[in-house]
């Protein structure tokens, strides 16, 4: 399952550091438009999903699941 998270570019670096700090390292970041970036996770365990959810609690984001 693929997971896409779109957020403001201004918080992308901080969020990336927080995600890596939680041990999630298999993702990439790409520009979405002038003000947003998209984090793309190709496979996450249930535990990693919980850690990611915890990391996102302080951010505004748009989440998309692709099967």
N, C-alpha and C. Protein backbone atom coordinates (compact mmCIF):
# COMPACT_ATOMS: atom_id res chain seq x y z
N UNK A 1 0.84 -1.17 0.00
CA UNK A 1 0.00 0.00 0.00
C UNK A 1 0.89 1.24 0.00
N UNK A 2 0.54 2.17 -0.83
CA UNK A 2 1.29 3.41 -0.95
C UNK A 2 0.58 4.51 -0.17
N UNK A 3 1.35 5.33 0.51
CA UNK A 3 0.79 6.39 1.34
C UNK A 3 1.42 7.72 0.93
N UNK A 4 0.58 8.71 0.60
CA UNK A 4 1.05 10.03 0.20
C UNK A 4 0.58 11.05 1.22
N UNK A 5 1.49 11.88 1.68
CA UNK A 5 1.16 12.94 2.63
C UNK A 5 1.63 14.26 2.05
N UNK A 6 0.69 15.17 1.85
CA UNK A 6 1.01 16.49 1.31
C UNK A 6 0.96 17.51 2.45
N UNK A 7 2.01 18.34 2.54
CA UNK A 7 2.08 19.35 3.59
C UNK A 7 2.79 20.60 3.07
N UNK A 8 2.78 21.64 3.87
CA UNK A 8 3.43 22.89 3.49
C UNK A 8 4.94 22.69 3.36
N UNK A 9 5.51 23.32 2.37
CA UNK A 9 6.95 23.22 2.15
C UNK A 9 7.74 23.82 3.31
N UNK A 10 7.15 24.78 4.01
CA UNK A 10 7.86 25.44 5.11
C UNK A 10 8.14 24.50 6.28
N UNK A 11 7.38 23.43 6.44
CA UNK A 11 7.59 22.50 7.55
C UNK A 11 8.19 21.18 7.09
N UNK A 12 8.47 21.05 5.81
CA UNK A 12 8.93 19.77 5.26
C UNK A 12 10.22 19.26 5.89
N UNK A 13 11.19 20.13 6.06
CA UNK A 13 12.47 19.70 6.63
C UNK A 13 12.31 19.25 8.07
N UNK A 14 11.55 19.98 8.85
CA UNK A 14 11.31 19.61 10.25
C UNK A 14 10.58 18.28 10.33
N UNK A 15 9.55 18.12 9.51
CA UNK A 15 8.79 16.86 9.51
C UNK A 15 9.66 15.70 9.05
N UNK A 16 10.48 15.91 8.05
CA UNK A 16 11.38 14.86 7.56
C UNK A 16 12.32 14.40 8.67
N UNK A 17 12.89 15.34 9.39
CA UNK A 17 13.78 14.99 10.50
C UNK A 17 13.04 14.19 11.58
N UNK A 18 11.81 14.59 11.88
CA UNK A 18 11.04 13.89 12.89
C UNK A 18 10.69 12.47 12.45
N UNK A 19 10.34 12.31 11.19
CA UNK A 19 10.03 10.97 10.66
C UNK A 19 11.27 10.08 10.73
N UNK A 20 12.41 10.59 10.33
CA UNK A 20 13.66 9.82 10.38
C UNK A 20 14.02 9.49 11.82
N UNK A 21 13.80 10.42 12.73
CA UNK A 21 14.08 10.21 14.16
C UNK A 21 13.28 9.02 14.70
N UNK A 22 12.10 8.78 14.17
CA UNK A 22 11.27 7.65 14.61
C UNK A 22 11.65 6.36 13.90
N UNK A 23 12.68 6.38 13.08
CA UNK A 23 13.19 5.16 12.46
C UNK A 23 12.55 4.82 11.12
N UNK A 24 11.77 5.73 10.57
CA UNK A 24 11.17 5.49 9.25
C UNK A 24 12.10 6.10 8.22
N UNK A 25 12.68 5.27 7.38
CA UNK A 25 13.67 5.78 6.43
C UNK A 25 13.36 5.45 4.98
N UNK A 26 12.34 4.64 4.73
CA UNK A 26 12.03 4.23 3.36
C UNK A 26 10.89 5.08 2.80
N UNK A 27 11.23 6.30 2.40
CA UNK A 27 10.28 7.22 1.81
C UNK A 27 11.03 8.22 0.97
N UNK A 28 10.32 8.95 0.16
CA UNK A 28 10.94 10.05 -0.56
C UNK A 28 10.01 11.25 -0.56
N UNK A 29 10.60 12.40 -0.83
CA UNK A 29 9.88 13.67 -0.81
C UNK A 29 9.99 14.29 -2.19
N UNK A 30 8.88 14.78 -2.70
CA UNK A 30 8.90 15.45 -4.00
C UNK A 30 8.07 16.73 -3.93
N UNK A 31 8.41 17.72 -4.73
CA UNK A 31 7.61 18.94 -4.75
C UNK A 31 6.23 18.64 -5.32
N UNK A 32 5.22 19.27 -4.76
CA UNK A 32 3.85 19.09 -5.25
C UNK A 32 3.40 20.32 -6.05
N UNK A 33 3.57 21.46 -5.46
CA UNK A 33 3.37 22.73 -6.15
C UNK A 33 4.27 23.76 -5.47
N UNK A 34 4.07 25.03 -5.71
CA UNK A 34 4.98 26.05 -5.19
C UNK A 34 5.05 26.07 -3.66
N UNK A 35 3.96 25.75 -3.00
CA UNK A 35 3.90 25.87 -1.54
C UNK A 35 3.82 24.54 -0.80
N UNK A 36 3.80 23.43 -1.50
CA UNK A 36 3.60 22.13 -0.85
C UNK A 36 4.61 21.09 -1.34
N UNK A 37 4.85 20.12 -0.49
CA UNK A 37 5.65 18.95 -0.86
C UNK A 37 4.84 17.71 -0.53
N UNK A 38 5.24 16.60 -1.13
CA UNK A 38 4.55 15.34 -0.90
C UNK A 38 5.55 14.30 -0.41
N UNK A 39 5.24 13.71 0.73
CA UNK A 39 6.02 12.59 1.27
C UNK A 39 5.36 11.32 0.75
N UNK A 40 6.16 10.41 0.20
CA UNK A 40 5.61 9.17 -0.36
C UNK A 40 6.27 7.99 0.33
N UNK A 41 5.41 7.16 0.94
CA UNK A 41 5.85 5.96 1.65
C UNK A 41 5.32 4.76 0.86
N UNK A 42 6.21 3.88 0.42
CA UNK A 42 5.80 2.76 -0.41
C UNK A 42 5.35 1.55 0.40
N UNK A 43 5.89 1.36 1.58
CA UNK A 43 5.43 0.27 2.43
C UNK A 43 5.75 0.61 3.88
N UNK A 44 4.73 0.55 4.71
CA UNK A 44 4.90 0.82 6.13
C UNK A 44 4.28 -0.32 6.93
N UNK A 45 4.94 -0.70 8.00
CA UNK A 45 4.36 -1.68 8.91
C UNK A 45 3.30 -0.96 9.75
N UNK A 46 2.51 -1.72 10.46
CA UNK A 46 1.48 -1.12 11.34
C UNK A 46 2.15 -0.25 12.41
N UNK A 47 3.25 -0.71 12.93
CA UNK A 47 3.98 0.07 13.94
C UNK A 47 4.48 1.39 13.35
N UNK A 48 5.02 1.35 12.13
CA UNK A 48 5.49 2.57 11.48
C UNK A 48 4.34 3.53 11.19
N UNK A 49 3.17 3.00 10.86
CA UNK A 49 1.99 3.86 10.65
C UNK A 49 1.62 4.59 11.93
N UNK A 50 1.71 3.91 13.05
CA UNK A 50 1.42 4.55 14.33
C UNK A 50 2.45 5.63 14.65
N UNK A 51 3.72 5.34 14.39
CA UNK A 51 4.77 6.34 14.62
C UNK A 51 4.58 7.54 13.70
N UNK A 52 4.19 7.29 12.46
CA UNK A 52 3.96 8.38 11.53
C UNK A 52 2.77 9.22 11.97
N UNK A 53 1.73 8.57 12.43
CA UNK A 53 0.56 9.29 12.94
C UNK A 53 0.95 10.18 14.11
N UNK A 54 1.79 9.66 14.98
CA UNK A 54 2.28 10.43 16.12
C UNK A 54 3.11 11.63 15.65
N UNK A 55 3.93 11.44 14.62
CA UNK A 55 4.76 12.52 14.08
C UNK A 55 3.92 13.62 13.45
N UNK A 56 2.80 13.26 12.86
CA UNK A 56 1.97 14.22 12.14
C UNK A 56 1.01 15.01 13.03
N UNK A 57 0.96 14.72 14.29
CA UNK A 57 -0.04 15.33 15.18
C UNK A 57 0.04 16.86 15.24
N UNK A 58 1.20 17.44 14.98
CA UNK A 58 1.37 18.90 15.08
C UNK A 58 1.36 19.60 13.72
N UNK A 59 1.02 18.88 12.67
CA UNK A 59 1.11 19.44 11.33
C UNK A 59 -0.25 19.40 10.62
N UNK A 60 -0.42 20.31 9.69
CA UNK A 60 -1.58 20.29 8.81
C UNK A 60 -1.17 19.52 7.56
N UNK A 61 -1.97 18.55 7.14
CA UNK A 61 -1.58 17.71 6.01
C UNK A 61 -2.80 17.12 5.32
N UNK A 62 -2.56 16.60 4.14
CA UNK A 62 -3.55 15.86 3.37
C UNK A 62 -3.00 14.45 3.16
N UNK A 63 -3.78 13.44 3.48
CA UNK A 63 -3.34 12.04 3.42
C UNK A 63 -4.09 11.30 2.33
N UNK A 64 -3.36 10.53 1.51
CA UNK A 64 -3.97 9.71 0.46
C UNK A 64 -3.38 8.30 0.53
N UNK A 65 -4.28 7.29 0.55
CA UNK A 65 -3.87 5.89 0.46
C UNK A 65 -4.08 5.42 -0.97
N UNK A 66 -3.10 4.71 -1.51
CA UNK A 66 -3.24 4.08 -2.82
C UNK A 66 -2.98 2.59 -2.67
N UNK A 67 -3.92 1.80 -3.10
CA UNK A 67 -3.78 0.34 -2.96
C UNK A 67 -3.01 -0.25 -4.11
